[in-house]
Amino acid sequence: MRLGRAKALERINKQSLIERTIDCLSIVSKALLVVTSQEQFRLVAAARLKGKVIVDIYPGKGALGGIYTGLASADSFYSLVVGCDMPFLNRDLLCYLIDLAPNFDVVVPRIDDMLEPLHAVYSRDCLAPIKELIDKDRLGVSQLFNLVKTRYVGKDEIAKFDPRCLSFFNINTLDDLRKAKDLIGQKEQCLTVRKDEF
C-alpha cells in the first residue's frame, strides 16, 4: 500500500526523510535545490530546510520534469540528483559518481538490469534532450541515457562503497518505512556495541 502523503516529511527517528537527504548532501555540495510540486510547495517550504525550494517547471511529467527543473535552476554545470525518499545515501558513493562526471552527460548506477536515475549525476547538456522527451511525452528517464554520453556504474564499483546497495533503498509504502526504521535501529545497535567494546 502506497503512503499516500508527503513522504519527504515522513520521520525516521527525529529527522524527516528530506532532512536526512539534505544532511548527507550538504557535505557533498553547498548549493542545494529541493524540487517539489506546486501542491506540496507550502508544506515543504514550511519545513525550513537548508537549501532552496523550487516548484517543478513541468508538473505531471514525473521524475524527468523534476530533473529538468533542477538542472535549469542550478548554477553549476553538473548536478547530483537524488530522490528525497532514500534514507541510506552513501557519501563516498555519491562523491565517486561526481568524480566520474567529467567527460560524461550522465553518470548513473546500474545493478544488473536496474538503473537508478534518481541517484545520478547529470550535466546541463541534458536539458535539450530532456525537453525534447517531455515535449513528446516520453517520460521514462532511462530513454535519456541513449541520447547523451552516459557512464554506467556497475554493481562491482558500487560494492566498494555500499556492499548491501542500501543507497538505492527508497520508501514508497508503510512497509518500506518500517523496514527503514528497523535498518536504522540495527545500525545504531551495532554502533553502540562497538563503542562498548572500547
N, C-alpha and C. Protein backbone atom coordinates (compact mmCIF):
# COMPACT_ATOMS: atom_id res chain seq x y z
N MET A 1 0.83 -1.19 0.00
CA MET A 1 0.00 0.00 0.00
C MET A 1 0.88 1.26 0.00
N ARG A 2 0.64 2.16 -0.94
CA ARG A 2 1.43 3.39 -1.06
C ARG A 2 1.18 4.27 0.15
N LEU A 3 2.14 5.15 0.44
CA LEU A 3 2.00 6.05 1.59
C LEU A 3 0.82 7.01 1.43
N GLY A 4 0.66 7.58 0.26
CA GLY A 4 -0.48 8.47 0.02
C GLY A 4 -0.39 9.80 0.73
N ARG A 5 0.82 10.20 1.10
CA ARG A 5 1.03 11.50 1.74
C ARG A 5 2.43 11.99 1.40
N ALA A 6 2.76 13.19 1.86
CA ALA A 6 4.06 13.78 1.51
C ALA A 6 5.18 12.99 2.18
N LYS A 7 5.74 12.03 1.43
CA LYS A 7 6.74 11.15 2.05
C LYS A 7 8.02 11.86 2.43
N ALA A 8 8.33 12.96 1.77
CA ALA A 8 9.55 13.71 2.10
C ALA A 8 9.57 14.12 3.57
N LEU A 9 8.39 14.31 4.15
CA LEU A 9 8.30 14.77 5.54
C LEU A 9 8.06 13.64 6.53
N GLU A 10 8.00 12.40 6.05
CA GLU A 10 7.90 11.26 6.96
C GLU A 10 9.14 11.22 7.83
N ARG A 11 8.96 10.87 9.09
CA ARG A 11 10.06 10.92 10.04
C ARG A 11 10.61 9.53 10.35
N ILE A 12 11.94 9.48 10.42
CA ILE A 12 12.64 8.30 10.91
C ILE A 12 13.48 8.81 12.08
N ASN A 13 13.19 8.30 13.26
CA ASN A 13 13.76 8.85 14.48
C ASN A 13 13.36 10.33 14.56
N LYS A 14 14.30 11.23 14.64
CA LYS A 14 13.93 12.64 14.82
C LYS A 14 14.02 13.46 13.54
N GLN A 15 14.37 12.81 12.43
CA GLN A 15 14.55 13.54 11.17
C GLN A 15 13.55 13.10 10.13
N SER A 16 13.12 14.06 9.31
CA SER A 16 12.30 13.70 8.15
C SER A 16 13.21 13.11 7.08
N LEU A 17 12.63 12.42 6.13
CA LEU A 17 13.42 11.84 5.04
C LEU A 17 14.19 12.92 4.29
N ILE A 18 13.53 14.04 4.03
CA ILE A 18 14.20 15.12 3.29
C ILE A 18 15.34 15.73 4.11
N GLU A 19 15.18 15.82 5.43
CA GLU A 19 16.27 16.33 6.27
C GLU A 19 17.47 15.39 6.25
N ARG A 20 17.20 14.08 6.28
CA ARG A 20 18.30 13.09 6.20
C ARG A 20 19.04 13.25 4.88
N THR A 21 18.28 13.43 3.79
CA THR A 21 18.88 13.59 2.46
C THR A 21 19.73 14.85 2.41
N ILE A 22 19.18 15.94 2.90
CA ILE A 22 19.89 17.22 2.87
C ILE A 22 21.15 17.17 3.73
N ASP A 23 21.07 16.54 4.89
CA ASP A 23 22.26 16.41 5.75
C ASP A 23 23.38 15.69 5.02
N CYS A 24 23.03 14.63 4.31
CA CYS A 24 24.05 13.88 3.57
C CYS A 24 24.62 14.72 2.43
N LEU A 25 23.74 15.39 1.69
CA LEU A 25 24.18 16.16 0.52
C LEU A 25 24.93 17.43 0.89
N SER A 26 24.65 17.99 2.06
CA SER A 26 25.29 19.26 2.43
C SER A 26 26.79 19.09 2.63
N ILE A 27 27.24 17.88 2.85
CA ILE A 27 28.69 17.63 2.95
C ILE A 27 29.29 17.52 1.55
N VAL A 28 28.47 17.10 0.58
CA VAL A 28 28.93 16.94 -0.81
C VAL A 28 28.86 18.26 -1.57
N SER A 29 27.85 19.08 -1.28
CA SER A 29 27.64 20.34 -2.00
C SER A 29 27.02 21.40 -1.10
N LYS A 30 27.42 22.65 -1.33
CA LYS A 30 26.85 23.76 -0.54
C LYS A 30 25.56 24.28 -1.19
N ALA A 31 25.42 24.10 -2.49
CA ALA A 31 24.23 24.59 -3.21
C ALA A 31 23.22 23.46 -3.34
N LEU A 32 22.14 23.55 -2.58
CA LEU A 32 21.12 22.51 -2.57
C LEU A 32 19.79 23.05 -3.08
N LEU A 33 19.19 22.31 -4.00
CA LEU A 33 17.86 22.65 -4.52
C LEU A 33 16.91 21.52 -4.20
N VAL A 34 15.73 21.86 -3.75
CA VAL A 34 14.67 20.88 -3.50
C VAL A 34 13.56 21.18 -4.49
N VAL A 35 13.31 20.25 -5.41
CA VAL A 35 12.26 20.42 -6.41
C VAL A 35 11.00 19.72 -5.89
N THR A 36 9.90 20.45 -5.88
CA THR A 36 8.64 19.89 -5.39
C THR A 36 7.48 20.36 -6.27
N SER A 37 6.34 19.76 -6.07
CA SER A 37 5.15 20.15 -6.83
C SER A 37 4.55 21.43 -6.25
N GLN A 38 3.73 22.10 -7.04
CA GLN A 38 3.02 23.29 -6.57
C GLN A 38 2.17 22.95 -5.36
N GLU A 39 1.54 21.76 -5.39
CA GLU A 39 0.66 21.34 -4.30
C GLU A 39 1.40 21.16 -2.98
N GLN A 40 2.65 20.71 -3.05
CA GLN A 40 3.41 20.44 -1.81
C GLN A 40 4.38 21.56 -1.46
N PHE A 41 4.44 22.61 -2.28
CA PHE A 41 5.43 23.67 -2.06
C PHE A 41 5.32 24.26 -0.66
N ARG A 42 4.14 24.68 -0.26
CA ARG A 42 3.99 25.33 1.06
C ARG A 42 4.40 24.40 2.20
N LEU A 43 3.97 23.16 2.09
CA LEU A 43 4.29 22.17 3.12
C LEU A 43 5.80 21.97 3.23
N VAL A 44 6.46 21.81 2.10
CA VAL A 44 7.91 21.59 2.09
C VAL A 44 8.64 22.87 2.51
N ALA A 45 8.20 24.02 2.00
CA ALA A 45 8.85 25.30 2.35
C ALA A 45 8.71 25.58 3.85
N ALA A 46 7.57 25.19 4.43
CA ALA A 46 7.34 25.43 5.86
C ALA A 46 8.27 24.61 6.75
N ALA A 47 8.87 23.56 6.18
CA ALA A 47 9.78 22.71 6.95
C ALA A 47 11.12 23.40 7.21
N ARG A 48 11.32 24.57 6.59
CA ARG A 48 12.54 25.37 6.80
C ARG A 48 13.81 24.55 6.59
N LEU A 49 13.88 23.96 5.44
CA LEU A 49 15.03 23.12 5.09
C LEU A 49 16.21 23.97 4.67
N LYS A 50 17.41 23.41 4.82
CA LYS A 50 18.58 24.03 4.20
C LYS A 50 18.40 23.86 2.71
N GLY A 51 18.76 24.84 1.96
CA GLY A 51 18.61 24.74 0.51
C GLY A 51 17.40 25.51 0.03
N LYS A 52 17.34 25.70 -1.27
CA LYS A 52 16.28 26.48 -1.91
C LYS A 52 15.19 25.53 -2.41
N VAL A 53 13.95 25.82 -2.05
CA VAL A 53 12.82 25.00 -2.51
C VAL A 53 12.23 25.65 -3.75
N ILE A 54 12.12 24.87 -4.83
CA ILE A 54 11.59 25.39 -6.09
C ILE A 54 10.46 24.49 -6.61
N VAL A 55 9.58 25.09 -7.40
CA VAL A 55 8.43 24.36 -7.95
C VAL A 55 8.79 23.77 -9.31
N ASP A 56 8.37 22.55 -9.51
CA ASP A 56 8.59 21.82 -10.76
C ASP A 56 8.05 22.62 -11.95
N ILE A 57 8.91 22.87 -12.94
CA ILE A 57 8.53 23.61 -14.15
C ILE A 57 7.52 22.81 -14.99
N TYR A 58 7.66 21.48 -14.95
CA TYR A 58 6.80 20.60 -15.75
C TYR A 58 5.95 19.72 -14.83
N PRO A 59 4.90 20.27 -14.24
CA PRO A 59 4.07 19.45 -13.35
C PRO A 59 3.45 18.28 -14.10
N GLY A 60 3.36 17.16 -13.40
CA GLY A 60 2.74 15.98 -14.00
C GLY A 60 3.62 15.23 -14.98
N LYS A 61 4.89 15.62 -15.07
CA LYS A 61 5.80 14.96 -16.01
C LYS A 61 6.81 14.06 -15.30
N GLY A 62 6.51 13.72 -14.06
CA GLY A 62 7.31 12.75 -13.32
C GLY A 62 8.72 13.21 -13.02
N ALA A 63 9.58 12.21 -12.81
CA ALA A 63 10.97 12.48 -12.44
C ALA A 63 11.70 13.28 -13.51
N LEU A 64 11.37 13.04 -14.77
CA LEU A 64 12.05 13.74 -15.86
C LEU A 64 11.83 15.25 -15.76
N GLY A 65 10.60 15.66 -15.45
CA GLY A 65 10.30 17.08 -15.26
C GLY A 65 11.05 17.66 -14.07
N GLY A 66 11.15 16.89 -12.99
CA GLY A 66 11.88 17.34 -11.81
C GLY A 66 13.37 17.50 -12.08
N ILE A 67 13.93 16.55 -12.82
CA ILE A 67 15.36 16.63 -13.18
C ILE A 67 15.60 17.86 -14.05
N TYR A 68 14.72 18.09 -15.02
CA TYR A 68 14.85 19.27 -15.88
C TYR A 68 14.82 20.55 -15.02
N THR A 69 13.87 20.64 -14.12
CA THR A 69 13.73 21.82 -13.25
C THR A 69 14.99 22.06 -12.45
N GLY A 70 15.52 21.00 -11.85
CA GLY A 70 16.74 21.14 -11.05
C GLY A 70 17.93 21.59 -11.88
N LEU A 71 18.12 20.96 -13.04
CA LEU A 71 19.25 21.33 -13.90
C LEU A 71 19.12 22.77 -14.40
N ALA A 72 17.91 23.17 -14.78
CA ALA A 72 17.69 24.52 -15.30
C ALA A 72 17.89 25.58 -14.23
N SER A 73 17.66 25.22 -12.98
CA SER A 73 17.76 26.17 -11.86
C SER A 73 19.12 26.19 -11.20
N ALA A 74 19.93 25.18 -11.46
CA ALA A 74 21.24 25.06 -10.80
C ALA A 74 22.25 26.04 -11.39
N ASP A 75 23.16 26.49 -10.56
CA ASP A 75 24.24 27.37 -11.02
C ASP A 75 25.39 26.58 -11.64
N SER A 76 25.52 25.32 -11.26
CA SER A 76 26.66 24.52 -11.71
C SER A 76 26.33 23.76 -13.00
N PHE A 77 27.37 23.33 -13.69
CA PHE A 77 27.21 22.57 -14.93
C PHE A 77 26.71 21.16 -14.63
N TYR A 78 27.23 20.56 -13.55
CA TYR A 78 26.81 19.22 -13.15
C TYR A 78 25.94 19.31 -11.90
N SER A 79 24.94 18.43 -11.85
CA SER A 79 24.08 18.35 -10.67
C SER A 79 23.94 16.89 -10.24
N LEU A 80 24.06 16.69 -8.95
CA LEU A 80 23.78 15.39 -8.36
C LEU A 80 22.28 15.37 -8.06
N VAL A 81 21.59 14.38 -8.58
CA VAL A 81 20.14 14.28 -8.42
C VAL A 81 19.82 13.03 -7.60
N VAL A 82 19.13 13.21 -6.48
CA VAL A 82 18.70 12.07 -5.67
C VAL A 82 17.24 12.25 -5.27
N GLY A 83 16.58 11.13 -5.01
CA GLY A 83 15.21 11.18 -4.51
C GLY A 83 15.20 11.55 -3.04
N CYS A 84 14.13 12.14 -2.60
CA CYS A 84 14.02 12.55 -1.19
C CYS A 84 13.67 11.37 -0.29
N ASP A 85 13.38 10.23 -0.90
CA ASP A 85 12.89 9.07 -0.15
C ASP A 85 13.94 7.97 0.00
N MET A 86 15.22 8.37 -0.04
CA MET A 86 16.32 7.41 0.03
C MET A 86 17.10 7.66 1.33
N PRO A 87 16.75 6.97 2.41
CA PRO A 87 17.34 7.30 3.72
C PRO A 87 18.76 6.81 3.95
N PHE A 88 19.31 6.03 3.02
CA PHE A 88 20.63 5.44 3.26
C PHE A 88 21.66 5.87 2.21
N LEU A 89 21.60 7.13 1.81
CA LEU A 89 22.60 7.63 0.85
C LEU A 89 24.00 7.47 1.43
N ASN A 90 24.94 7.14 0.56
CA ASN A 90 26.32 6.90 0.96
C ASN A 90 27.19 8.01 0.37
N ARG A 91 27.75 8.83 1.23
CA ARG A 91 28.53 9.99 0.76
C ARG A 91 29.69 9.59 -0.14
N ASP A 92 30.39 8.52 0.23
CA ASP A 92 31.54 8.10 -0.57
C ASP A 92 31.12 7.67 -1.97
N LEU A 93 30.00 6.99 -2.07
CA LEU A 93 29.50 6.59 -3.38
C LEU A 93 29.07 7.82 -4.18
N LEU A 94 28.40 8.76 -3.54
CA LEU A 94 27.99 9.99 -4.23
C LEU A 94 29.21 10.74 -4.76
N CYS A 95 30.25 10.85 -3.94
CA CYS A 95 31.48 11.54 -4.37
C CYS A 95 32.13 10.80 -5.53
N TYR A 96 32.07 9.48 -5.51
CA TYR A 96 32.63 8.68 -6.60
C TYR A 96 31.90 9.00 -7.91
N LEU A 97 30.57 9.08 -7.86
CA LEU A 97 29.79 9.41 -9.06
C LEU A 97 30.17 10.80 -9.57
N ILE A 98 30.32 11.74 -8.66
CA ILE A 98 30.68 13.11 -9.04
C ILE A 98 32.07 13.13 -9.70
N ASP A 99 33.00 12.38 -9.13
CA ASP A 99 34.36 12.33 -9.68
C ASP A 99 34.39 11.74 -11.09
N LEU A 100 33.44 10.88 -11.41
CA LEU A 100 33.38 10.27 -12.75
C LEU A 100 32.75 11.19 -13.79
N ALA A 101 32.06 12.23 -13.35
CA ALA A 101 31.22 13.05 -14.24
C ALA A 101 31.95 13.74 -15.40
N PRO A 102 33.14 14.31 -15.21
CA PRO A 102 33.78 14.98 -16.35
C PRO A 102 33.85 14.04 -17.56
N ASN A 103 33.56 14.59 -18.71
CA ASN A 103 33.53 13.86 -19.99
C ASN A 103 32.26 13.05 -20.22
N PHE A 104 31.28 13.14 -19.30
CA PHE A 104 30.01 12.44 -19.49
C PHE A 104 28.86 13.42 -19.24
N ASP A 105 27.71 13.09 -19.82
CA ASP A 105 26.49 13.88 -19.57
C ASP A 105 25.70 13.33 -18.40
N VAL A 106 25.78 12.02 -18.22
CA VAL A 106 25.09 11.35 -17.11
C VAL A 106 26.02 10.29 -16.53
N VAL A 107 26.03 10.18 -15.22
CA VAL A 107 26.67 9.06 -14.53
C VAL A 107 25.58 8.42 -13.68
N VAL A 108 25.25 7.17 -14.00
CA VAL A 108 24.10 6.52 -13.34
C VAL A 108 24.45 5.10 -12.89
N PRO A 109 24.10 4.75 -11.66
CA PRO A 109 24.31 3.37 -11.21
C PRO A 109 23.40 2.40 -11.96
N ARG A 110 23.95 1.20 -12.19
CA ARG A 110 23.18 0.13 -12.82
C ARG A 110 23.51 -1.17 -12.09
N ILE A 111 22.50 -1.74 -11.46
CA ILE A 111 22.67 -3.01 -10.76
C ILE A 111 21.89 -4.05 -11.55
N ASP A 112 22.63 -4.96 -12.16
CA ASP A 112 22.03 -5.92 -13.09
C ASP A 112 21.29 -5.12 -14.17
N ASP A 113 19.99 -5.26 -14.29
CA ASP A 113 19.25 -4.50 -15.31
C ASP A 113 18.54 -3.29 -14.74
N MET A 114 18.74 -3.02 -13.46
CA MET A 114 18.05 -1.91 -12.79
C MET A 114 18.91 -0.64 -12.82
N LEU A 115 18.35 0.41 -13.38
CA LEU A 115 19.02 1.72 -13.39
C LEU A 115 18.51 2.54 -12.21
N GLU A 116 19.34 3.44 -11.72
CA GLU A 116 18.98 4.30 -10.59
C GLU A 116 19.06 5.77 -11.01
N PRO A 117 18.09 6.24 -11.83
CA PRO A 117 18.15 7.61 -12.35
C PRO A 117 17.96 8.70 -11.30
N LEU A 118 17.43 8.33 -10.13
CA LEU A 118 17.30 9.32 -9.05
C LEU A 118 18.39 9.13 -8.01
N HIS A 119 19.54 8.72 -8.50
CA HIS A 119 20.77 8.63 -7.69
C HIS A 119 21.91 8.76 -8.69
N ALA A 120 21.93 9.89 -9.41
CA ALA A 120 22.81 10.03 -10.56
C ALA A 120 23.28 11.47 -10.72
N VAL A 121 24.28 11.64 -11.55
CA VAL A 121 24.82 12.97 -11.87
C VAL A 121 24.43 13.30 -13.32
N TYR A 122 23.93 14.52 -13.52
CA TYR A 122 23.50 14.99 -14.84
C TYR A 122 24.20 16.31 -15.16
N SER A 123 24.54 16.50 -16.43
CA SER A 123 25.11 17.78 -16.86
C SER A 123 24.01 18.65 -17.48
N ARG A 124 24.29 19.92 -17.60
CA ARG A 124 23.33 20.83 -18.23
C ARG A 124 23.13 20.51 -19.70
N ASP A 125 24.06 19.75 -20.30
CA ASP A 125 23.88 19.33 -21.68
C ASP A 125 22.69 18.38 -21.85
N CYS A 126 22.13 17.92 -20.74
CA CYS A 126 20.95 17.05 -20.80
C CYS A 126 19.66 17.86 -20.97
N LEU A 127 19.72 19.17 -20.76
CA LEU A 127 18.48 19.97 -20.79
C LEU A 127 17.74 19.86 -22.12
N ALA A 128 18.42 20.04 -23.24
CA ALA A 128 17.74 19.99 -24.55
C ALA A 128 17.14 18.61 -24.82
N PRO A 129 17.88 17.51 -24.63
CA PRO A 129 17.27 16.21 -24.87
C PRO A 129 16.12 15.89 -23.91
N ILE A 130 16.22 16.35 -22.66
CA ILE A 130 15.11 16.13 -21.72
C ILE A 130 13.87 16.88 -22.19
N LYS A 131 14.05 18.13 -22.62
CA LYS A 131 12.91 18.92 -23.11
C LYS A 131 12.26 18.24 -24.31
N GLU A 132 13.10 17.71 -25.18
CA GLU A 132 12.59 17.00 -26.36
C GLU A 132 11.75 15.79 -25.95
N LEU A 133 12.24 15.04 -24.97
CA LEU A 133 11.49 13.88 -24.48
C LEU A 133 10.16 14.30 -23.85
N ILE A 134 10.21 15.35 -23.03
CA ILE A 134 8.99 15.84 -22.38
C ILE A 134 7.99 16.31 -23.42
N ASP A 135 8.47 17.05 -24.42
CA ASP A 135 7.57 17.54 -25.48
C ASP A 135 6.89 16.40 -26.23
N LYS A 136 7.56 15.26 -26.31
CA LYS A 136 6.99 14.09 -26.98
C LYS A 136 6.23 13.18 -25.99
N ASP A 137 6.17 13.62 -24.73
CA ASP A 137 5.51 12.87 -23.65
C ASP A 137 6.13 11.48 -23.46
N ARG A 138 7.43 11.40 -23.71
CA ARG A 138 8.21 10.18 -23.44
C ARG A 138 8.92 10.41 -22.12
N LEU A 139 8.32 9.96 -21.02
CA LEU A 139 8.74 10.41 -19.69
C LEU A 139 9.64 9.43 -18.94
N GLY A 140 10.00 8.33 -19.54
CA GLY A 140 10.93 7.40 -18.88
C GLY A 140 12.33 8.00 -18.87
N VAL A 141 12.89 8.19 -17.69
CA VAL A 141 14.21 8.83 -17.57
C VAL A 141 15.26 8.02 -18.33
N SER A 142 15.13 6.71 -18.32
CA SER A 142 16.15 5.86 -18.97
C SER A 142 16.23 6.12 -20.48
N GLN A 143 15.19 6.67 -21.08
CA GLN A 143 15.24 6.99 -22.51
C GLN A 143 16.29 8.07 -22.80
N LEU A 144 16.53 8.92 -21.82
CA LEU A 144 17.54 9.97 -21.96
C LEU A 144 18.93 9.38 -22.17
N PHE A 145 19.21 8.26 -21.51
CA PHE A 145 20.56 7.72 -21.49
C PHE A 145 21.05 7.29 -22.87
N ASN A 146 20.14 7.01 -23.78
CA ASN A 146 20.52 6.66 -25.15
C ASN A 146 20.79 7.90 -26.01
N LEU A 147 20.40 9.06 -25.50
CA LEU A 147 20.54 10.30 -26.28
C LEU A 147 21.78 11.11 -25.90
N VAL A 148 22.40 10.75 -24.79
CA VAL A 148 23.55 11.52 -24.29
C VAL A 148 24.69 10.56 -23.94
N LYS A 149 25.84 11.14 -23.64
CA LYS A 149 27.00 10.33 -23.27
C LYS A 149 26.84 9.88 -21.82
N THR A 150 26.58 8.60 -21.63
CA THR A 150 26.24 8.06 -20.32
C THR A 150 27.31 7.11 -19.82
N ARG A 151 27.65 7.27 -18.56
CA ARG A 151 28.59 6.35 -17.89
C ARG A 151 27.79 5.54 -16.87
N TYR A 152 27.72 4.24 -17.10
CA TYR A 152 27.02 3.36 -16.17
C TYR A 152 27.99 2.89 -15.10
N VAL A 153 27.56 2.92 -13.87
CA VAL A 153 28.39 2.48 -12.75
C VAL A 153 27.82 1.14 -12.28
N GLY A 154 28.62 0.10 -12.45
CA GLY A 154 28.15 -1.26 -12.19
C GLY A 154 28.19 -1.67 -10.73
N LYS A 155 27.62 -2.82 -10.49
CA LYS A 155 27.49 -3.36 -9.13
C LYS A 155 28.84 -3.54 -8.43
N ASP A 156 29.86 -3.97 -9.18
CA ASP A 156 31.18 -4.18 -8.58
C ASP A 156 31.77 -2.86 -8.08
N GLU A 157 31.58 -1.80 -8.86
CA GLU A 157 32.06 -0.48 -8.43
C GLU A 157 31.29 0.00 -7.21
N ILE A 158 29.97 -0.18 -7.24
CA ILE A 158 29.11 0.27 -6.14
C ILE A 158 29.46 -0.46 -4.85
N ALA A 159 29.75 -1.76 -4.98
CA ALA A 159 30.02 -2.60 -3.80
C ALA A 159 31.24 -2.13 -3.01
N LYS A 160 32.15 -1.43 -3.65
CA LYS A 160 33.33 -0.91 -2.93
C LYS A 160 32.91 0.10 -1.85
N PHE A 161 31.80 0.76 -2.08
CA PHE A 161 31.33 1.80 -1.15
C PHE A 161 30.09 1.36 -0.37
N ASP A 162 29.27 0.55 -1.00
CA ASP A 162 27.97 0.19 -0.42
C ASP A 162 27.66 -1.27 -0.79
N PRO A 163 28.28 -2.22 -0.08
CA PRO A 163 28.15 -3.63 -0.45
C PRO A 163 26.70 -4.15 -0.43
N ARG A 164 25.86 -3.59 0.42
CA ARG A 164 24.46 -4.04 0.51
C ARG A 164 23.54 -3.24 -0.42
N CYS A 165 24.11 -2.27 -1.13
CA CYS A 165 23.33 -1.41 -2.05
C CYS A 165 22.16 -0.73 -1.35
N LEU A 166 22.34 -0.36 -0.10
CA LEU A 166 21.28 0.32 0.65
C LEU A 166 21.04 1.74 0.14
N SER A 167 22.01 2.29 -0.57
CA SER A 167 21.84 3.64 -1.13
C SER A 167 20.57 3.75 -1.95
N PHE A 168 20.16 2.65 -2.56
CA PHE A 168 19.05 2.68 -3.51
C PHE A 168 17.71 2.24 -2.88
N PHE A 169 17.75 1.98 -1.59
CA PHE A 169 16.51 1.64 -0.87
C PHE A 169 15.66 2.91 -0.81
N ASN A 170 14.44 2.82 -1.33
CA ASN A 170 13.59 4.02 -1.26
C ASN A 170 12.25 3.65 -0.65
N ILE A 171 11.58 4.67 -0.15
CA ILE A 171 10.36 4.47 0.63
C ILE A 171 9.14 4.89 -0.17
N ASN A 172 8.29 3.90 -0.45
CA ASN A 172 7.04 4.15 -1.15
C ASN A 172 5.83 3.69 -0.36
N THR A 173 6.04 2.79 0.60
CA THR A 173 4.93 2.21 1.35
C THR A 173 5.21 2.29 2.85
N LEU A 174 4.17 2.03 3.64
CA LEU A 174 4.36 1.98 5.10
C LEU A 174 5.31 0.85 5.47
N ASP A 175 5.26 -0.25 4.73
CA ASP A 175 6.18 -1.36 4.99
C ASP A 175 7.63 -0.94 4.74
N ASP A 176 7.87 -0.18 3.67
CA ASP A 176 9.22 0.35 3.40
C ASP A 176 9.69 1.23 4.55
N LEU A 177 8.78 2.06 5.05
CA LEU A 177 9.12 2.96 6.17
C LEU A 177 9.49 2.15 7.41
N ARG A 178 8.74 1.09 7.69
CA ARG A 178 9.05 0.22 8.84
C ARG A 178 10.42 -0.43 8.65
N LYS A 179 10.68 -0.94 7.44
CA LYS A 179 11.97 -1.58 7.16
C LYS A 179 13.12 -0.59 7.37
N ALA A 180 12.94 0.64 6.90
CA ALA A 180 13.99 1.65 7.05
C ALA A 180 14.26 1.92 8.54
N LYS A 181 13.19 2.03 9.32
CA LYS A 181 13.35 2.26 10.76
C LYS A 181 14.07 1.09 11.42
N ASP A 182 13.74 -0.13 11.01
CA ASP A 182 14.41 -1.31 11.55
C ASP A 182 15.90 -1.30 11.18
N LEU A 183 16.20 -0.98 9.92
CA LEU A 183 17.61 -0.94 9.49
C LEU A 183 18.40 0.11 10.25
N ILE A 184 17.79 1.27 10.47
CA ILE A 184 18.47 2.33 11.23
C ILE A 184 18.67 1.88 12.67
N GLY A 185 17.68 1.22 13.23
CA GLY A 185 17.81 0.68 14.59
C GLY A 185 18.94 -0.32 14.69
N GLN A 186 19.07 -1.19 13.68
CA GLN A 186 20.16 -2.17 13.66
C GLN A 186 21.51 -1.48 13.58
N LYS A 187 21.60 -0.44 12.75
CA LYS A 187 22.87 0.30 12.63
C LYS A 187 23.24 0.94 13.96
N GLU A 188 22.25 1.55 14.63
CA GLU A 188 22.52 2.21 15.91
C GLU A 188 22.93 1.21 16.98
N GLN A 189 22.31 0.03 16.99
CA GLN A 189 22.69 -1.01 17.94
C GLN A 189 24.12 -1.46 17.69
N CYS A 190 24.47 -1.61 16.43
CA CYS A 190 25.82 -2.02 16.05
C CYS A 190 26.84 -0.99 16.52
N LEU A 191 26.53 0.29 16.33
CA LEU A 191 27.43 1.35 16.78
C LEU A 191 27.57 1.35 18.29
N THR A 192 26.50 1.12 19.01
CA THR A 192 26.53 1.09 20.48
C THR A 192 27.40 -0.06 20.96
N VAL A 193 27.24 -1.22 20.36
CA VAL A 193 28.05 -2.38 20.73
C VAL A 193 29.53 -2.09 20.49
N ARG A 194 29.83 -1.50 19.34
CA ARG A 194 31.24 -1.21 19.04
C ARG A 194 31.84 -0.21 20.02
N LYS A 195 31.06 0.80 20.40
CA LYS A 195 31.56 1.78 21.38
C LYS A 195 31.82 1.11 22.72
N ASP A 196 30.94 0.16 23.09
CA ASP A 196 31.09 -0.53 24.38
C ASP A 196 32.31 -1.43 24.40
N GLU A 197 32.83 -1.78 23.24
CA GLU A 197 34.00 -2.65 23.18
C GLU A 197 35.28 -1.92 23.59
N PHE A 198 35.26 -0.59 23.54
CA PHE A 198 36.48 0.18 23.86
C PHE A 198 36.61 0.43 25.34
